[in-house]
């Protein structure tokens, strides 16, 4: 648990959304939902929060962080 945060690890964290194919559409859906949160306060934040939980669970399991597809809206 004594991991240090280096500039290399920060670069990896900030670059992971842009490394996989199809990232533009996934990023755009998330951005639109985030903007819609200002118009409809509750509903979009539920979906974006669930999406962030999916990314955190991937990382906790030791998988490479990646943007999952927006295919499971009910989950």
C-alpha atoms as a PDB file:
ATOM      1  CA  UNK A   1       0.000   0.000   0.000  1.00  0.00           C
ATOM      2  CA  UNK A   2       2.988   2.296  -0.125  1.00  0.00           C
ATOM      3  CA  UNK A   3       2.634   3.131  -3.815  1.00  0.00           C
ATOM      4  CA  UNK A   4       3.866   6.543  -4.805  1.00  0.00           C
ATOM      5  CA  UNK A   5       2.217   8.708  -7.397  1.00  0.00           C
ATOM      6  CA  UNK A   6       4.681   9.564 -10.131  1.00  0.00           C
ATOM      7  CA  UNK A   7       4.370  11.644 -13.276  1.00  0.00           C
ATOM      8  CA  UNK A   8       4.423   8.447 -15.342  1.00  0.00           C
ATOM      9  CA  UNK A   9       1.423   7.025 -13.553  1.00  0.00           C
ATOM     10  CA  UNK A  10      -0.418  10.337 -13.865  1.00  0.00           C
ATOM     11  CA  UNK A  11       0.248  10.384 -17.611  1.00  0.00           C
ATOM     12  CA  UNK A  12      -1.168   6.867 -17.873  1.00  0.00           C
ATOM     13  CA  UNK A  13      -4.296   7.857 -15.959  1.00  0.00           C
ATOM     14  CA  UNK A  14      -4.963  10.919 -18.079  1.00  0.00           C
ATOM     15  CA  UNK A  15      -4.231   9.201 -21.402  1.00  0.00           C
ATOM     16  CA  UNK A  16      -6.221   5.962 -20.985  1.00  0.00           C
ATOM     17  CA  UNK A  17      -9.529   7.260 -22.391  1.00  0.00           C
ATOM     18  CA  UNK A  18      -7.880   8.229 -25.682  1.00  0.00           C
ATOM     19  CA  UNK A  19      -5.936   5.021 -26.444  1.00  0.00           C
ATOM     20  CA  UNK A  20      -8.655   2.621 -27.536  1.00  0.00           C
ATOM     21  CA  UNK A  21     -10.537   2.582 -30.829  1.00  0.00           C
ATOM     22  CA  UNK A  22     -13.991   4.144 -30.722  1.00  0.00           C
ATOM     23  CA  UNK A  23     -13.178   6.439 -27.823  1.00  0.00           C
ATOM     24  CA  UNK A  24     -14.736   9.453 -29.559  1.00  0.00           C
ATOM     25  CA  UNK A  25     -18.310   8.152 -29.389  1.00  0.00           C
ATOM     26  CA  UNK A  26     -17.956   6.950 -25.792  1.00  0.00           C
ATOM     27  CA  UNK A  27     -16.442  10.255 -24.739  1.00  0.00           C
ATOM     28  CA  UNK A  28     -19.156  12.197 -26.587  1.00  0.00           C
ATOM     29  CA  UNK A  29     -22.011  10.283 -24.906  1.00  0.00           C
ATOM     30  CA  UNK A  30     -20.477  10.886 -21.490  1.00  0.00           C
ATOM     31  CA  UNK A  31     -19.933  14.563 -22.262  1.00  0.00           C
ATOM     32  CA  UNK A  32     -23.505  15.027 -23.469  1.00  0.00           C
ATOM     33  CA  UNK A  33     -24.858  13.341 -20.353  1.00  0.00           C
ATOM     34  CA  UNK A  34     -22.701  15.570 -18.182  1.00  0.00           C
ATOM     35  CA  UNK A  35     -24.024  18.683 -19.940  1.00  0.00           C
ATOM     36  CA  UNK A  36     -27.598  17.338 -19.723  1.00  0.00           C
ATOM     37  CA  UNK A  37     -27.092  17.151 -15.980  1.00  0.00           C
ATOM     38  CA  UNK A  38     -27.448  20.948 -15.881  1.00  0.00           C
ATOM     39  CA  UNK A  39     -30.871  20.749 -17.561  1.00  0.00           C
ATOM     40  CA  UNK A  40     -32.234  17.618 -15.866  1.00  0.00           C
ATOM     41  CA  UNK A  41     -30.359  17.420 -12.555  1.00  0.00           C
ATOM     42  CA  UNK A  42     -30.869  13.845 -11.353  1.00  0.00           C
ATOM     43  CA  UNK A  43     -31.248  11.366 -14.211  1.00  0.00           C
ATOM     44  CA  UNK A  44     -28.003  11.919 -16.185  1.00  0.00           C
ATOM     45  CA  UNK A  45     -25.923  11.858 -13.019  1.00  0.00           C
ATOM     46  CA  UNK A  46     -27.213   8.355 -12.261  1.00  0.00           C
ATOM     47  CA  UNK A  47     -25.943   7.069 -15.612  1.00  0.00           C
ATOM     48  CA  UNK A  48     -22.607   8.871 -15.487  1.00  0.00           C
ATOM     49  CA  UNK A  49     -22.082   7.752 -11.882  1.00  0.00           C
ATOM     50  CA  UNK A  50     -22.742   4.131 -12.845  1.00  0.00           C
ATOM     51  CA  UNK A  51     -20.336   4.466 -15.753  1.00  0.00           C
ATOM     52  CA  UNK A  52     -17.616   5.751 -13.446  1.00  0.00           C
ATOM     53  CA  UNK A  53     -18.266   2.835 -11.082  1.00  0.00           C
ATOM     54  CA  UNK A  54     -17.707   0.429 -14.007  1.00  0.00           C
ATOM     55  CA  UNK A  55     -14.336   2.042 -14.730  1.00  0.00           C
ATOM     56  CA  UNK A  56     -13.307   1.929 -11.062  1.00  0.00           C
ATOM     57  CA  UNK A  57     -14.300  -1.752 -10.794  1.00  0.00           C
ATOM     58  CA  UNK A  58     -12.150  -2.579 -13.833  1.00  0.00           C
ATOM     59  CA  UNK A  59      -9.188  -0.884 -12.221  1.00  0.00           C
ATOM     60  CA  UNK A  60      -9.718  -2.533  -8.839  1.00  0.00           C
ATOM     61  CA  UNK A  61      -9.812  -5.965 -10.509  1.00  0.00           C
ATOM     62  CA  UNK A  62      -6.374  -5.226 -11.929  1.00  0.00           C
ATOM     63  CA  UNK A  63      -7.551  -4.750 -15.513  1.00  0.00           C
ATOM     64  CA  UNK A  64      -6.207  -2.001 -17.717  1.00  0.00           C
ATOM     65  CA  UNK A  65      -8.477   1.046 -17.366  1.00  0.00           C
ATOM     66  CA  UNK A  66     -10.640   1.561 -20.449  1.00  0.00           C
ATOM     67  CA  UNK A  67     -13.834   3.319 -21.425  1.00  0.00           C
ATOM     68  CA  UNK A  68     -16.548   0.642 -21.585  1.00  0.00           C
ATOM     69  CA  UNK A  69     -19.254   0.844 -24.221  1.00  0.00           C
ATOM     70  CA  UNK A  70     -22.517   2.555 -23.316  1.00  0.00           C
ATOM     71  CA  UNK A  71     -24.445  -0.645 -23.916  1.00  0.00           C
ATOM     72  CA  UNK A  72     -25.896  -1.538 -20.515  1.00  0.00           C
ATOM     73  CA  UNK A  73     -28.026   1.449 -19.478  1.00  0.00           C
ATOM     74  CA  UNK A  74     -30.062  -0.482 -16.914  1.00  0.00           C
ATOM     75  CA  UNK A  75     -27.018  -1.599 -14.967  1.00  0.00           C
END
